[in-house]
Amino acid sequence: MKTNINIDKITKRTFCIAVIGGMICLTACGNSQNNSENSSSAEVVSAVGSRTDSLLDSRVTLQAEAVGYDNGQLTFVYDGKEYTLAMDSELFEHDEKYVNGKSLSQAIINNDIGEVISAEIVADEGITKIYSCDVVSPNGEKYASGMYEDIKADVPAEEYDYKLCHKSGSVYELSNANRTITADFNDLEEWQKGKYPESADDVMFGGYLFTDGKFIIEDINLLVAVNDDGSKTYEPLTTSDFPSFFGTVQTIGDNTAEIKLTDKKTVCTVPTYYCDGELSEGLEVMVILDCSTDLFDSGKSESFDYAVICTDPAE
């Protein structure tokens, strides 16, 4: 269509030159003005393009060490200097959001298993603003049971099913014919911190596997039925059947805490391996227990071998 319009303009201009000579100057001036305007527009576009390229070029990729992410701020070390910059969690690359609003990237950075976390950070040249941060790719991979299994013909299929074995506290071992993974079930969401058995023959789970073999578990499901068609049904163990109570931490012992309930007379001594934060005397908490609701207002002093402590009951 543009080609046809140009041909028409050329034809009309030729006709004016041939028949009305006085129009030559007017036509030429008009074309000159149009060309000048077009030339000016082209220069502006070029200038805008250059500015955009310059802005993009001002971004730098930093190979850094991430040391903490809390309250929307990322703390990292680059070239021997520590920085703390505001960063929305949406800027994490390859991330996954958990039920409680936290993210996989946050769990990786704030791990309590001694992992030093490499981070690929895109920032401005002055390192005052973060555009993106990737800690998932540099440190390991997302892992789900059944992935990348090295199947051998002489090994029975059931040997590739992961088995569960309790080690101590919240620490469990997950193993099959190919590998053994150690997981701290305190990494699970609060609702998943059920009362797990000492052992189980067939489980499905997922999480993040570091390159050195350490693991952050995200979810786990236990076999509950083998169906008529040979398929299997797995379900999580949850805290949904257990009552919760509010109280105040009285004393903290060796992997235990004494909590006085809000009735001011019932005291519970509970293990602290399932706890989502730091405990301190006087802290108000919520505790999930395997007991009857009649515990409240009973005035008893009881010890429990299972408990889930939530340090921020308002969440």
C-alpha atoms as a PDB file:
ATOM      1  CA  MET A   1       0.000   0.000   0.000  1.00  0.00           C
ATOM      2  CA  LYS A   2       2.851   2.407   0.812  1.00  0.00           C
ATOM      3  CA  THR A   3       4.436   1.701  -2.551  1.00  0.00           C
ATOM      4  CA  ASN A   4       1.238   2.745  -4.383  1.00  0.00           C
ATOM      5  CA  ILE A   5       1.028   5.992  -2.415  1.00  0.00           C
ATOM      6  CA  ASN A   6       4.608   6.939  -3.355  1.00  0.00           C
ATOM      7  CA  ILE A   7       3.966   6.285  -7.026  1.00  0.00           C
ATOM      8  CA  ASP A   8       0.904   8.566  -6.937  1.00  0.00           C
ATOM      9  CA  LYS A   9       2.938  11.354  -5.373  1.00  0.00           C
ATOM     10  CA  ILE A  10       5.654  11.025  -7.996  1.00  0.00           C
ATOM     11  CA  THR A  11       3.050  11.080 -10.812  1.00  0.00           C
ATOM     12  CA  LYS A  12       1.360  14.205  -9.462  1.00  0.00           C
ATOM     13  CA  ARG A  13       4.664  16.007  -9.032  1.00  0.00           C
ATOM     14  CA  THR A  14       5.723  15.200 -12.613  1.00  0.00           C
ATOM     15  CA  PHE A  15       2.400  16.478 -13.934  1.00  0.00           C
ATOM     16  CA  CYS A  16       2.880  19.792 -12.077  1.00  0.00           C
ATOM     17  CA  ILE A  17       6.354  20.233 -13.490  1.00  0.00           C
ATOM     18  CA  ALA A  18       5.203  19.639 -17.049  1.00  0.00           C
ATOM     19  CA  VAL A  19       2.079  21.802 -17.053  1.00  0.00           C
ATOM     20  CA  ILE A  20       2.471  24.539 -14.414  1.00  0.00           C
ATOM     21  CA  GLY A  21       6.055  25.628 -14.092  1.00  0.00           C
ATOM     22  CA  GLY A  22       5.265  28.007 -11.235  1.00  0.00           C
ATOM     23  CA  MET A  23       4.407  25.040  -9.089  1.00  0.00           C
ATOM     24  CA  ILE A  24       7.955  23.703  -9.230  1.00  0.00           C
ATOM     25  CA  CYS A  25       9.188  25.966  -6.473  1.00  0.00           C
ATOM     26  CA  LEU A  26       6.185  25.294  -4.270  1.00  0.00           C
ATOM     27  CA  THR A  27       6.437  21.575  -4.766  1.00  0.00           C
ATOM     28  CA  ALA A  28      10.146  21.540  -4.110  1.00  0.00           C
ATOM     29  CA  CYS A  29       9.732  23.630  -0.987  1.00  0.00           C
ATOM     30  CA  GLY A  30       7.005  21.374   0.274  1.00  0.00           C
ATOM     31  CA  ASN A  31       9.144  18.288  -0.290  1.00  0.00           C
ATOM     32  CA  SER A  32      12.093  19.966   1.334  1.00  0.00           C
ATOM     33  CA  GLN A  33      10.016  20.767   4.409  1.00  0.00           C
ATOM     34  CA  ASN A  34       8.666  17.217   4.618  1.00  0.00           C
ATOM     35  CA  ASN A  35      12.130  15.759   4.221  1.00  0.00           C
ATOM     36  CA  SER A  36      13.380  18.060   6.952  1.00  0.00           C
ATOM     37  CA  GLU A  37      10.616  16.907   9.293  1.00  0.00           C
ATOM     38  CA  ASN A  38      11.282  13.255   8.491  1.00  0.00           C
ATOM     39  CA  SER A  39      14.979  13.742   9.063  1.00  0.00           C
ATOM     40  CA  SER A  40      14.301  15.382  12.433  1.00  0.00           C
ATOM     41  CA  SER A  41      12.005  12.518  13.484  1.00  0.00           C
ATOM     42  CA  ALA A  42      14.628   9.953  12.567  1.00  0.00           C
ATOM     43  CA  GLU A  43      17.204  11.724  14.687  1.00  0.00           C
ATOM     44  CA  VAL A  44      14.872  11.751  17.713  1.00  0.00           C
ATOM     45  CA  VAL A  45      14.150   8.036  17.383  1.00  0.00           C
ATOM     46  CA  SER A  46      17.852   7.346  17.113  1.00  0.00           C
ATOM     47  CA  ALA A  47      18.536   9.404  20.217  1.00  0.00           C
ATOM     48  CA  VAL A  48      15.839   7.612  22.231  1.00  0.00           C
ATOM     49  CA  GLY A  49      17.191   4.279  21.075  1.00  0.00           C
ATOM     50  CA  SER A  50      20.665   5.247  22.173  1.00  0.00           C
ATOM     51  CA  ARG A  51      19.436   6.304  25.612  1.00  0.00           C
ATOM     52  CA  THR A  52      17.562   3.006  26.023  1.00  0.00           C
ATOM     53  CA  ASP A  53      20.632   1.026  25.002  1.00  0.00           C
ATOM     54  CA  SER A  54      22.681   3.060  27.449  1.00  0.00           C
ATOM     55  CA  LEU A  55      20.273   2.297  30.291  1.00  0.00           C
ATOM     56  CA  LEU A  56      20.354  -1.407  29.522  1.00  0.00           C
ATOM     57  CA  ASP A  57      24.140  -1.347  29.248  1.00  0.00           C
ATOM     58  CA  SER A  58      24.355   0.217  32.714  1.00  0.00           C
ATOM     59  CA  ARG A  59      23.113  -3.021  34.286  1.00  0.00           C
ATOM     60  CA  VAL A  60      25.790  -5.348  35.601  1.00  0.00           C
ATOM     61  CA  THR A  61      25.695  -9.008  36.623  1.00  0.00           C
ATOM     62  CA  LEU A  62      27.333  -9.717  39.954  1.00  0.00           C
ATOM     63  CA  GLN A  63      28.589 -13.093  41.120  1.00  0.00           C
ATOM     64  CA  ALA A  64      28.002 -12.622  44.827  1.00  0.00           C
ATOM     65  CA  GLU A  65      27.369 -14.461  48.083  1.00  0.00           C
ATOM     66  CA  ALA A  66      23.842 -14.098  49.466  1.00  0.00           C
ATOM     67  CA  VAL A  67      23.855 -14.049  53.266  1.00  0.00           C
ATOM     68  CA  GLY A  68      20.274 -13.122  54.161  1.00  0.00           C
ATOM     69  CA  TYR A  69      16.834 -12.162  52.886  1.00  0.00           C
ATOM     70  CA  ASP A  70      14.349 -10.717  55.386  1.00  0.00           C
ATOM     71  CA  ASN A  71      11.635  -8.054  55.351  1.00  0.00           C
ATOM     72  CA  GLY A  72      12.096  -7.377  51.649  1.00  0.00           C
ATOM     73  CA  GLN A  73      15.835  -6.748  51.907  1.00  0.00           C
ATOM     74  CA  LEU A  74      18.652  -8.804  50.389  1.00  0.00           C
ATOM     75  CA  THR A  75      22.033  -8.825  52.093  1.00  0.00           C
ATOM     76  CA  PHE A  76      24.957 -10.017  49.986  1.00  0.00           C
ATOM     77  CA  VAL A  77      28.719  -9.773  49.730  1.00  0.00           C
ATOM     78  CA  TYR A  78      30.349  -8.678  46.479  1.00  0.00           C
ATOM     79  CA  ASP A  79      34.039  -7.958  45.936  1.00  0.00           C
ATOM     80  CA  GLY A  80      34.664  -8.066  49.680  1.00  0.00           C
ATOM     81  CA  LYS A  81      31.959  -5.518  50.526  1.00  0.00           C
ATOM     82  CA  GLU A  82      28.586  -6.234  52.149  1.00  0.00           C
ATOM     83  CA  TYR A  83      25.428  -4.658  50.722  1.00  0.00           C
ATOM     84  CA  THR A  84      21.842  -4.601  51.989  1.00  0.00           C
ATOM     85  CA  LEU A  85      19.349  -3.470  49.345  1.00  0.00           C
ATOM     86  CA  ALA A  86      15.574  -3.447  49.080  1.00  0.00           C
ATOM     87  CA  MET A  87      14.311  -6.203  46.784  1.00  0.00           C
ATOM     88  CA  ASP A  88      10.808  -7.499  46.163  1.00  0.00           C
ATOM     89  CA  SER A  89      10.574 -11.292  46.382  1.00  0.00           C
ATOM     90  CA  GLU A  90       9.042 -11.246  42.885  1.00  0.00           C
ATOM     91  CA  LEU A  91      12.534 -10.469  41.546  1.00  0.00           C
ATOM     92  CA  PHE A  92      13.863 -13.916  42.513  1.00  0.00           C
ATOM     93  CA  GLU A  93      14.501 -16.003  39.387  1.00  0.00           C
ATOM     94  CA  HIS A  94      13.228 -19.626  39.107  1.00  0.00           C
ATOM     95  CA  ASP A  95      11.455 -19.188  42.433  1.00  0.00           C
ATOM     96  CA  GLU A  96       8.531 -21.027  44.001  1.00  0.00           C
ATOM     97  CA  LYS A  97       6.159 -19.596  46.570  1.00  0.00           C
ATOM     98  CA  TYR A  98       5.270 -21.699  49.596  1.00  0.00           C
ATOM     99  CA  VAL A  99       1.903 -21.779  51.346  1.00  0.00           C
ATOM    100  CA  ASN A 100       2.980 -19.389  54.111  1.00  0.00           C
ATOM    101  CA  GLY A 101       4.072 -16.760  51.582  1.00  0.00           C
ATOM    102  CA  LYS A 102       7.768 -17.499  51.896  1.00  0.00           C
ATOM    103  CA  SER A 103       9.757 -18.614  48.892  1.00  0.00           C
ATOM    104  CA  LEU A 104      12.189 -21.326  47.870  1.00  0.00           C
ATOM    105  CA  SER A 105      14.873 -18.690  47.292  1.00  0.00           C
ATOM    106  CA  GLN A 106      14.382 -17.324  50.794  1.00  0.00           C
ATOM    107  CA  ALA A 107      14.681 -20.839  52.228  1.00  0.00           C
ATOM    108  CA  ILE A 108      17.909 -21.388  50.280  1.00  0.00           C
ATOM    109  CA  ILE A 109      19.464 -18.100  51.409  1.00  0.00           C
ATOM    110  CA  ASN A 110      18.366 -18.397  55.050  1.00  0.00           C
ATOM    111  CA  ASN A 111      19.230 -22.091  55.341  1.00  0.00           C
ATOM    112  CA  ASP A 112      20.419 -23.359  58.711  1.00  0.00           C
ATOM    113  CA  ILE A 113      22.510 -26.240  57.379  1.00  0.00           C
ATOM    114  CA  GLY A 114      25.696 -24.256  56.817  1.00  0.00           C
ATOM    115  CA  GLU A 115      25.417 -23.788  53.051  1.00  0.00           C
ATOM    116  CA  VAL A 116      27.279 -20.810  51.559  1.00  0.00           C
ATOM    117  CA  ILE A 117      24.933 -19.448  48.898  1.00  0.00           C
ATOM    118  CA  SER A 118      26.134 -18.224  45.512  1.00  0.00           C
ATOM    119  CA  ALA A 119      23.908 -15.567  43.947  1.00  0.00           C
ATOM    120  CA  GLU A 120      23.739 -14.165  40.426  1.00  0.00           C
ATOM    121  CA  ILE A 121      22.477 -10.619  40.891  1.00  0.00           C
ATOM    122  CA  VAL A 122      21.601  -8.138  38.148  1.00  0.00           C
ATOM    123  CA  ALA A 123      21.990  -4.600  39.492  1.00  0.00           C
ATOM    124  CA  ASP A 124      22.761  -1.077  38.338  1.00  0.00           C
ATOM    125  CA  GLU A 125      26.398  -0.033  37.968  1.00  0.00           C
ATOM    126  CA  GLY A 126      26.399   1.773  41.286  1.00  0.00           C
ATOM    127  CA  ILE A 127      24.962  -1.305  43.034  1.00  0.00           C
ATOM    128  CA  THR A 128      22.077   0.689  44.506  1.00  0.00           C
ATOM    129  CA  LYS A 129      19.195  -1.178  42.873  1.00  0.00           C
ATOM    130  CA  ILE A 130      18.535  -4.878  42.194  1.00  0.00           C
ATOM    131  CA  TYR A 131      16.753  -5.983  39.023  1.00  0.00           C
ATOM    132  CA  SER A 132      16.878  -9.751  39.614  1.00  0.00           C
ATOM    133  CA  CYS A 133      18.519 -12.399  41.777  1.00  0.00           C
ATOM    134  CA  ASP A 134      19.011 -16.107  41.086  1.00  0.00           C
ATOM    135  CA  VAL A 135      20.066 -18.452  43.878  1.00  0.00           C
ATOM    136  CA  VAL A 136      18.183 -21.514  42.621  1.00  0.00           C
ATOM    137  CA  SER A 137      20.344 -22.274  39.557  1.00  0.00           C
ATOM    138  CA  PRO A 138      23.838 -21.679  41.027  1.00  0.00           C
ATOM    139  CA  ASN A 139      23.487 -23.886  44.116  1.00  0.00           C
ATOM    140  CA  GLY A 140      21.616 -27.047  43.088  1.00  0.00           C
ATOM    141  CA  GLU A 141      18.261 -28.077  41.637  1.00  0.00           C
ATOM    142  CA  LYS A 142      14.616 -28.587  42.457  1.00  0.00           C
ATOM    143  CA  TYR A 143      14.164 -32.293  43.191  1.00  0.00           C
ATOM    144  CA  ALA A 144      11.211 -34.663  43.361  1.00  0.00           C
ATOM    145  CA  SER A 145      11.398 -38.358  44.219  1.00  0.00           C
ATOM    146  CA  GLY A 146      11.459 -40.401  41.040  1.00  0.00           C
ATOM    147  CA  MET A 147      13.451 -37.850  39.036  1.00  0.00           C
ATOM    148  CA  TYR A 148      16.504 -38.985  37.089  1.00  0.00           C
ATOM    149  CA  GLU A 149      16.510 -42.471  38.575  1.00  0.00           C
ATOM    150  CA  ASP A 150      19.254 -44.740  37.258  1.00  0.00           C
ATOM    151  CA  ILE A 151      17.135 -47.844  36.650  1.00  0.00           C
ATOM    152  CA  LYS A 152      19.001 -51.153  36.491  1.00  0.00           C
ATOM    153  CA  ALA A 153      17.404 -54.262  35.022  1.00  0.00           C
ATOM    154  CA  ASP A 154      18.612 -56.531  37.836  1.00  0.00           C
ATOM    155  CA  VAL A 155      17.193 -54.324  40.609  1.00  0.00           C
ATOM    156  CA  PRO A 156      13.538 -54.878  41.621  1.00  0.00           C
ATOM    157  CA  ALA A 157      11.299 -51.881  40.884  1.00  0.00           C
ATOM    158  CA  GLU A 158      10.284 -51.494  44.524  1.00  0.00           C
ATOM    159  CA  GLU A 159      13.909 -50.803  45.438  1.00  0.00           C
ATOM    160  CA  TYR A 160      13.513 -47.426  43.745  1.00  0.00           C
ATOM    161  CA  ASP A 161      10.675 -46.466  46.086  1.00  0.00           C
ATOM    162  CA  TYR A 162      11.947 -44.111  48.755  1.00  0.00           C
ATOM    163  CA  LYS A 163      11.862 -45.407  52.318  1.00  0.00           C
ATOM    164  CA  LEU A 164      11.548 -43.216  55.390  1.00  0.00           C
ATOM    165  CA  CYS A 165      13.630 -43.688  58.537  1.00  0.00           C
ATOM    166  CA  HIS A 166      13.597 -41.467  61.636  1.00  0.00           C
ATOM    167  CA  LYS A 167      17.053 -40.433  62.862  1.00  0.00           C
ATOM    168  CA  SER A 168      16.430 -37.979  65.710  1.00  0.00           C
ATOM    169  CA  GLY A 169      14.158 -35.063  66.521  1.00  0.00           C
ATOM    170  CA  SER A 170      12.873 -33.660  63.228  1.00  0.00           C
ATOM    171  CA  VAL A 171      15.617 -35.304  61.135  1.00  0.00           C
ATOM    172  CA  TYR A 172      14.674 -38.148  58.791  1.00  0.00           C
ATOM    173  CA  GLU A 173      16.488 -40.190  56.187  1.00  0.00           C
ATOM    174  CA  LEU A 174      14.985 -40.846  52.743  1.00  0.00           C
ATOM    175  CA  SER A 175      16.677 -43.593  50.757  1.00  0.00           C
ATOM    176  CA  ASN A 176      16.303 -45.868  47.735  1.00  0.00           C
ATOM    177  CA  ALA A 177      18.595 -48.002  45.579  1.00  0.00           C
ATOM    178  CA  ASN A 178      20.293 -44.912  44.137  1.00  0.00           C
ATOM    179  CA  ARG A 179      20.740 -42.432  46.947  1.00  0.00           C
ATOM    180  CA  THR A 180      20.184 -41.421  50.540  1.00  0.00           C
ATOM    181  CA  ILE A 181      18.872 -37.959  51.383  1.00  0.00           C
ATOM    182  CA  THR A 182      18.802 -36.469  54.868  1.00  0.00           C
ATOM    183  CA  ALA A 183      15.955 -34.033  55.498  1.00  0.00           C
ATOM    184  CA  ASP A 184      14.957 -31.857  58.431  1.00  0.00           C
ATOM    185  CA  PHE A 185      11.164 -31.992  58.617  1.00  0.00           C
ATOM    186  CA  ASN A 186      11.206 -28.678  60.475  1.00  0.00           C
ATOM    187  CA  ASP A 187      11.623 -27.186  56.971  1.00  0.00           C
ATOM    188  CA  LEU A 188       8.066 -28.292  56.170  1.00  0.00           C
ATOM    189  CA  GLU A 189       5.088 -25.947  56.420  1.00  0.00           C
ATOM    190  CA  GLU A 190       3.503 -25.953  59.872  1.00  0.00           C
ATOM    191  CA  TRP A 191       0.433 -27.873  58.683  1.00  0.00           C
ATOM    192  CA  GLN A 192       2.678 -30.663  57.312  1.00  0.00           C
ATOM    193  CA  LYS A 193       4.544 -31.248  60.572  1.00  0.00           C
ATOM    194  CA  GLY A 194       2.439 -34.237  61.496  1.00  0.00           C
ATOM    195  CA  LYS A 195       3.380 -37.099  63.767  1.00  0.00           C
ATOM    196  CA  TYR A 196       5.507 -39.190  61.399  1.00  0.00           C
ATOM    197  CA  PRO A 197       6.277 -42.879  62.015  1.00  0.00           C
ATOM    198  CA  GLU A 198       9.712 -44.237  62.848  1.00  0.00           C
ATOM    199  CA  SER A 199       9.780 -45.800  59.374  1.00  0.00           C
ATOM    200  CA  ALA A 200       7.703 -46.125  56.205  1.00  0.00           C
ATOM    201  CA  ASP A 201       8.280 -48.222  53.099  1.00  0.00           C
ATOM    202  CA  ASP A 202       7.028 -45.940  50.326  1.00  0.00           C
ATOM    203  CA  VAL A 203       6.978 -42.134  50.310  1.00  0.00           C
ATOM    204  CA  MET A 204       6.899 -39.358  47.713  1.00  0.00           C
ATOM    205  CA  PHE A 205       8.562 -36.012  48.408  1.00  0.00           C
ATOM    206  CA  GLY A 206       9.973 -32.879  46.832  1.00  0.00           C
ATOM    207  CA  GLY A 207      12.284 -30.015  47.683  1.00  0.00           C
ATOM    208  CA  TYR A 208      15.639 -28.486  46.813  1.00  0.00           C
ATOM    209  CA  LEU A 209      18.807 -30.567  46.484  1.00  0.00           C
ATOM    210  CA  PHE A 210      22.123 -28.753  46.906  1.00  0.00           C
ATOM    211  CA  THR A 211      25.080 -29.785  44.760  1.00  0.00           C
ATOM    212  CA  ASP A 212      26.772 -31.293  47.835  1.00  0.00           C
ATOM    213  CA  GLY A 213      23.747 -33.505  48.597  1.00  0.00           C
ATOM    214  CA  LYS A 214      22.169 -31.461  51.394  1.00  0.00           C
ATOM    215  CA  PHE A 215      18.423 -31.043  51.091  1.00  0.00           C
ATOM    216  CA  ILE A 216      15.590 -28.659  51.981  1.00  0.00           C
ATOM    217  CA  ILE A 217      12.322 -30.586  52.004  1.00  0.00           C
ATOM    218  CA  GLU A 218       9.171 -28.868  50.731  1.00  0.00           C
ATOM    219  CA  ASP A 219       6.538 -31.609  50.953  1.00  0.00           C
ATOM    220  CA  ILE A 220       6.150 -35.327  51.650  1.00  0.00           C
ATOM    221  CA  ASN A 221       3.342 -37.836  51.141  1.00  0.00           C
ATOM    222  CA  LEU A 222       3.059 -41.363  52.529  1.00  0.00           C
ATOM    223  CA  LEU A 223       1.566 -44.370  50.757  1.00  0.00           C
ATOM    224  CA  VAL A 224      -1.950 -45.043  52.057  1.00  0.00           C
ATOM    225  CA  ALA A 225      -3.337 -47.497  49.471  1.00  0.00           C
ATOM    226  CA  VAL A 226      -2.475 -49.663  46.468  1.00  0.00           C
ATOM    227  CA  ASN A 227      -5.480 -49.544  44.160  1.00  0.00           C
ATOM    228  CA  ASP A 228      -7.018 -52.433  42.184  1.00  0.00           C
ATOM    229  CA  ASP A 229      -5.462 -51.154  38.959  1.00  0.00           C
ATOM    230  CA  GLY A 230      -2.001 -51.152  40.530  1.00  0.00           C
ATOM    231  CA  SER A 231      -1.832 -47.396  41.022  1.00  0.00           C
ATOM    232  CA  LYS A 232      -0.894 -45.948  44.402  1.00  0.00           C
ATOM    233  CA  THR A 233      -2.498 -43.305  46.587  1.00  0.00           C
ATOM    234  CA  TYR A 234      -0.299 -41.036  48.712  1.00  0.00           C
ATOM    235  CA  GLU A 235      -1.382 -38.518  51.343  1.00  0.00           C
ATOM    236  CA  PRO A 236       0.433 -36.080  53.640  1.00  0.00           C
ATOM    237  CA  LEU A 237       0.473 -36.347  57.406  1.00  0.00           C
ATOM    238  CA  THR A 238      -0.903 -33.099  58.783  1.00  0.00           C
ATOM    239  CA  THR A 239      -1.597 -31.386  62.075  1.00  0.00           C
ATOM    240  CA  SER A 240      -5.298 -30.954  61.249  1.00  0.00           C
ATOM    241  CA  ASP A 241      -6.465 -33.562  63.789  1.00  0.00           C
ATOM    242  CA  PHE A 242      -4.516 -32.053  66.680  1.00  0.00           C
ATOM    243  CA  PRO A 243      -5.719 -29.181  68.890  1.00  0.00           C
ATOM    244  CA  SER A 244      -3.700 -26.013  69.363  1.00  0.00           C
ATOM    245  CA  PHE A 245      -3.228 -23.969  72.536  1.00  0.00           C
ATOM    246  CA  PHE A 246      -1.867 -20.525  73.292  1.00  0.00           C
ATOM    247  CA  GLY A 247       0.607 -19.926  76.051  1.00  0.00           C
ATOM    248  CA  THR A 248       3.825 -18.315  77.246  1.00  0.00           C
ATOM    249  CA  VAL A 249       7.309 -19.839  77.310  1.00  0.00           C
ATOM    250  CA  GLN A 250       8.392 -20.222  80.946  1.00  0.00           C
ATOM    251  CA  THR A 251      11.776 -21.932  80.651  1.00  0.00           C
ATOM    252  CA  ILE A 252      13.947 -23.356  77.881  1.00  0.00           C
ATOM    253  CA  GLY A 253      15.896 -26.556  78.440  1.00  0.00           C
ATOM    254  CA  ASP A 254      17.900 -29.001  76.347  1.00  0.00           C
ATOM    255  CA  ASN A 255      15.696 -29.330  73.230  1.00  0.00           C
ATOM    256  CA  THR A 256      12.633 -28.742  75.407  1.00  0.00           C
ATOM    257  CA  ALA A 257      10.510 -25.820  76.527  1.00  0.00           C
ATOM    258  CA  GLU A 258       8.049 -25.331  79.349  1.00  0.00           C
ATOM    259  CA  ILE A 259       4.903 -23.510  78.233  1.00  0.00           C
ATOM    260  CA  LYS A 260       2.162 -22.230  80.534  1.00  0.00           C
ATOM    261  CA  LEU A 261      -1.196 -22.066  78.774  1.00  0.00           C
ATOM    262  CA  THR A 262      -3.352 -18.959  78.835  1.00  0.00           C
ATOM    263  CA  ASP A 263      -5.537 -20.539  81.520  1.00  0.00           C
ATOM    264  CA  LYS A 264      -2.622 -19.556  83.822  1.00  0.00           C
ATOM    265  CA  LYS A 265      -2.495 -22.972  85.505  1.00  0.00           C
ATOM    266  CA  THR A 266      -1.749 -25.697  82.923  1.00  0.00           C
ATOM    267  CA  VAL A 267       1.926 -26.302  82.125  1.00  0.00           C
ATOM    268  CA  CYS A 268       3.261 -28.359  79.200  1.00  0.00           C
ATOM    269  CA  THR A 269       6.821 -29.538  78.719  1.00  0.00           C
ATOM    270  CA  VAL A 270       7.355 -30.065  75.000  1.00  0.00           C
ATOM    271  CA  PRO A 271      10.169 -30.877  72.538  1.00  0.00           C
ATOM    272  CA  THR A 272      11.373 -27.936  70.440  1.00  0.00           C
ATOM    273  CA  TYR A 273      12.507 -29.688  67.248  1.00  0.00           C
ATOM    274  CA  TYR A 274       9.358 -28.497  65.427  1.00  0.00           C
ATOM    275  CA  CYS A 275       9.608 -24.743  65.866  1.00  0.00           C
ATOM    276  CA  ASP A 276       9.429 -21.994  63.243  1.00  0.00           C
ATOM    277  CA  GLY A 277      11.635 -19.451  65.015  1.00  0.00           C
ATOM    278  CA  GLU A 278      13.733 -18.528  68.029  1.00  0.00           C
ATOM    279  CA  LEU A 279      12.332 -19.197  71.483  1.00  0.00           C
ATOM    280  CA  SER A 280      12.846 -16.966  74.492  1.00  0.00           C
ATOM    281  CA  GLU A 281      11.403 -16.857  77.981  1.00  0.00           C
ATOM    282  CA  GLY A 282       8.230 -14.792  78.100  1.00  0.00           C
ATOM    283  CA  LEU A 283       7.479 -15.289  74.397  1.00  0.00           C
ATOM    284  CA  GLU A 284       3.819 -15.867  73.534  1.00  0.00           C
ATOM    285  CA  VAL A 285       3.422 -18.900  71.289  1.00  0.00           C
ATOM    286  CA  MET A 286       0.902 -21.317  69.880  1.00  0.00           C
ATOM    287  CA  VAL A 287       1.595 -25.006  70.431  1.00  0.00           C
ATOM    288  CA  ILE A 288      -0.003 -27.952  68.626  1.00  0.00           C
ATOM    289  CA  LEU A 289      -0.209 -31.115  70.735  1.00  0.00           C
ATOM    290  CA  ASP A 290      -1.377 -34.709  70.330  1.00  0.00           C
ATOM    291  CA  CYS A 291      -3.917 -34.616  73.144  1.00  0.00           C
ATOM    292  CA  SER A 292      -7.502 -33.821  74.064  1.00  0.00           C
ATOM    293  CA  THR A 293      -8.841 -30.283  74.233  1.00  0.00           C
ATOM    294  CA  ASP A 294      -9.621 -31.104  77.867  1.00  0.00           C
ATOM    295  CA  LEU A 295      -5.997 -30.265  78.623  1.00  0.00           C
ATOM    296  CA  PHE A 296      -6.919 -26.592  78.711  1.00  0.00           C
ATOM    297  CA  ASP A 297      -8.090 -25.427  82.117  1.00  0.00           C
ATOM    298  CA  SER A 298      -7.089 -28.770  83.645  1.00  0.00           C
ATOM    299  CA  GLY A 299      -4.313 -27.322  85.788  1.00  0.00           C
ATOM    300  CA  LYS A 300      -2.105 -30.306  84.966  1.00  0.00           C
ATOM    301  CA  SER A 301       1.634 -30.368  84.356  1.00  0.00           C
ATOM    302  CA  GLU A 302       2.291 -32.769  81.475  1.00  0.00           C
ATOM    303  CA  SER A 303       5.179 -33.770  79.236  1.00  0.00           C
ATOM    304  CA  PHE A 304       4.779 -34.539  75.536  1.00  0.00           C
ATOM    305  CA  ASP A 305       7.012 -36.250  72.990  1.00  0.00           C
ATOM    306  CA  TYR A 306       5.467 -34.398  70.028  1.00  0.00           C
ATOM    307  CA  ALA A 307       4.661 -30.711  69.581  1.00  0.00           C
ATOM    308  CA  VAL A 308       4.668 -28.023  66.896  1.00  0.00           C
ATOM    309  CA  ILE A 309       5.537 -24.562  68.199  1.00  0.00           C
ATOM    310  CA  CYS A 310       4.551 -21.418  66.270  1.00  0.00           C
ATOM    311  CA  THR A 311       6.432 -18.341  67.449  1.00  0.00           C
ATOM    312  CA  ASP A 312       4.163 -15.871  65.653  1.00  0.00           C
ATOM    313  CA  PRO A 313       0.600 -16.993  66.456  1.00  0.00           C
ATOM    314  CA  ALA A 314      -0.874 -14.033  64.543  1.00  0.00           C
ATOM    315  CA  GLU A 315       0.276 -15.445  61.174  1.00  0.00           C
END
